[in-house]
Amino acid sequence: MNAAHCRDLTIGTSLLVLILVVYGQVWDFGFIRFDEETYILGNVHVRMGLTWEGVRWAFVSTEAGFWHPLTWLSLMLDYELYGLRAGGYHVTNVLFHILNTLILYWVLFRMTG
């Protein structure tokens, strides 16, 4: 392993650890009642979990004023995995945060060397 790979591994690991230190406690957090009523608690389509009807709805719906089928599909999968345990939804967001951080690091590195 050369020095550049060691540096990338060290930076990537540091970013991962930093995110987990800051957000690692979210498993025990509840819903904050900001938009959960629209997106989860009061949304019958999301609360059916991943179904063909729900997938179709996700791609044609503009509920909540937006067309965002991946958000709906992600929430449906979260419901399948966690039910109404809010911490699970937060963990999913932390995983997205980690992935996006590592992708951003990789893109910036590729752009700037």
Protein backbone atom coordinates (compact mmCIF):
# COMPACT_ATOMS: atom_id res chain seq x y z
CA MET A 1 0.00 0.00 0.00
CA ASN A 2 1.48 3.33 -1.03
CA ALA A 3 1.38 6.60 0.89
CA ALA A 4 -1.58 7.99 -1.09
CA HIS A 5 -3.71 4.94 -0.30
CA CYS A 6 -2.76 5.15 3.38
CA ARG A 7 -3.70 8.83 3.42
CA ASP A 8 -7.05 8.15 1.73
CA LEU A 9 -7.79 5.31 4.14
CA THR A 10 -6.85 7.48 7.12
CA ILE A 11 -8.99 10.41 5.95
CA GLY A 12 -11.95 8.17 5.06
CA THR A 13 -11.75 6.39 8.40
CA SER A 14 -11.45 9.71 10.24
CA LEU A 15 -14.52 11.06 8.47
CA LEU A 16 -16.44 7.88 9.31
CA VAL A 17 -15.45 8.03 12.98
CA LEU A 18 -16.26 11.74 13.21
CA ILE A 19 -19.75 11.20 11.77
CA LEU A 20 -20.37 8.27 14.13
CA VAL A 21 -19.21 10.28 17.14
CA VAL A 22 -21.54 13.15 16.26
CA TYR A 23 -24.55 11.17 15.08
CA GLY A 24 -24.07 7.75 16.67
CA GLN A 25 -26.57 8.43 19.42
CA VAL A 26 -29.59 8.88 17.12
CA TRP A 27 -30.88 5.32 17.60
CA ASP A 28 -32.64 6.42 20.78
CA PHE A 29 -34.08 9.65 19.37
CA GLY A 30 -37.76 10.05 18.62
CA PHE A 31 -39.59 11.81 15.86
CA ILE A 32 -39.38 15.59 16.10
CA ARG A 33 -42.88 16.23 14.72
CA PHE A 34 -41.70 18.50 11.95
CA ASP A 35 -42.80 16.67 8.80
CA GLU A 36 -43.20 13.10 10.02
CA GLU A 37 -46.99 13.38 9.90
CA THR A 38 -46.90 13.99 6.15
CA TYR A 39 -44.06 11.65 5.34
CA ILE A 40 -44.51 8.72 7.78
CA LEU A 41 -47.06 8.78 10.57
CA GLY A 42 -50.07 9.94 8.58
CA ASN A 43 -49.05 8.52 5.21
CA VAL A 44 -50.98 5.35 4.48
CA HIS A 45 -48.83 4.55 1.43
CA VAL A 46 -45.58 4.62 3.40
CA ARG A 47 -47.14 2.68 6.27
CA MET A 48 -48.08 -0.16 3.91
CA GLY A 49 -44.35 -0.78 3.42
CA LEU A 50 -42.86 -1.74 0.09
CA THR A 51 -45.69 -2.92 -2.12
CA TRP A 52 -46.20 -2.71 -5.88
CA GLU A 53 -49.05 -0.30 -5.27
CA GLY A 54 -46.78 1.82 -3.07
CA VAL A 55 -43.99 1.81 -5.65
CA ARG A 56 -46.42 2.93 -8.34
CA TRP A 57 -47.76 5.65 -6.03
CA ALA A 58 -44.21 6.84 -5.26
CA PHE A 59 -43.55 7.51 -8.93
CA VAL A 60 -46.79 9.38 -9.64
CA SER A 61 -47.31 11.22 -6.36
CA THR A 62 -46.61 14.86 -5.70
CA GLU A 63 -47.77 14.57 -2.11
CA ALA A 64 -46.04 17.06 0.19
CA GLY A 65 -45.64 19.32 -2.85
CA PHE A 66 -42.73 17.45 -4.41
CA TRP A 67 -42.06 14.62 -6.82
CA HIS A 68 -39.46 12.55 -4.99
CA PRO A 69 -40.01 8.84 -5.55
CA LEU A 70 -36.67 7.78 -4.03
CA THR A 71 -37.62 9.48 -0.78
CA TRP A 72 -40.91 7.63 -0.69
CA LEU A 73 -39.26 4.29 -1.53
CA SER A 74 -36.64 4.85 1.15
CA LEU A 75 -39.31 5.64 3.74
CA MET A 76 -41.30 2.57 2.72
CA LEU A 77 -38.20 0.41 3.17
CA ASP A 78 -37.52 2.08 6.52
CA TYR A 79 -41.07 1.25 7.58
CA GLU A 80 -40.51 -2.38 6.54
CA LEU A 81 -37.32 -2.48 8.62
CA TYR A 82 -38.20 -0.36 11.65
CA GLY A 83 -41.95 0.08 11.77
CA LEU A 84 -42.56 3.29 13.72
CA ARG A 85 -39.30 3.16 15.71
CA ALA A 86 -37.97 6.63 14.91
CA GLY A 87 -34.35 5.77 15.68
CA GLY A 88 -34.23 3.44 12.70
CA TYR A 89 -35.12 6.26 10.33
CA HIS A 90 -32.37 8.37 11.91
CA VAL A 91 -29.85 5.53 11.47
CA THR A 92 -30.74 5.35 7.78
CA ASN A 93 -30.05 9.08 7.51
CA VAL A 94 -26.68 8.63 9.23
CA LEU A 95 -25.78 5.93 6.71
CA PHE A 96 -26.72 8.32 3.87
CA HIS A 97 -24.61 10.99 5.58
CA ILE A 98 -21.61 8.67 5.71
CA LEU A 99 -22.00 7.62 2.09
CA ASN A 100 -22.39 11.21 0.88
CA THR A 101 -19.38 12.37 2.89
CA LEU A 102 -17.16 9.65 1.45
CA ILE A 103 -18.41 10.32 -2.08
CA LEU A 104 -17.77 14.04 -1.67
CA TYR A 105 -14.25 13.36 -0.40
CA TRP A 106 -13.58 11.06 -3.35
CA VAL A 107 -14.97 13.59 -5.88
CA LEU A 108 -12.98 16.49 -4.41
CA PHE A 109 -9.82 14.38 -4.37
CA ARG A 110 -10.33 13.34 -8.01
CA MET A 111 -10.96 16.96 -9.01
CA THR A 112 -8.00 18.46 -7.17
CA GLY A 113 -5.52 15.61 -6.75
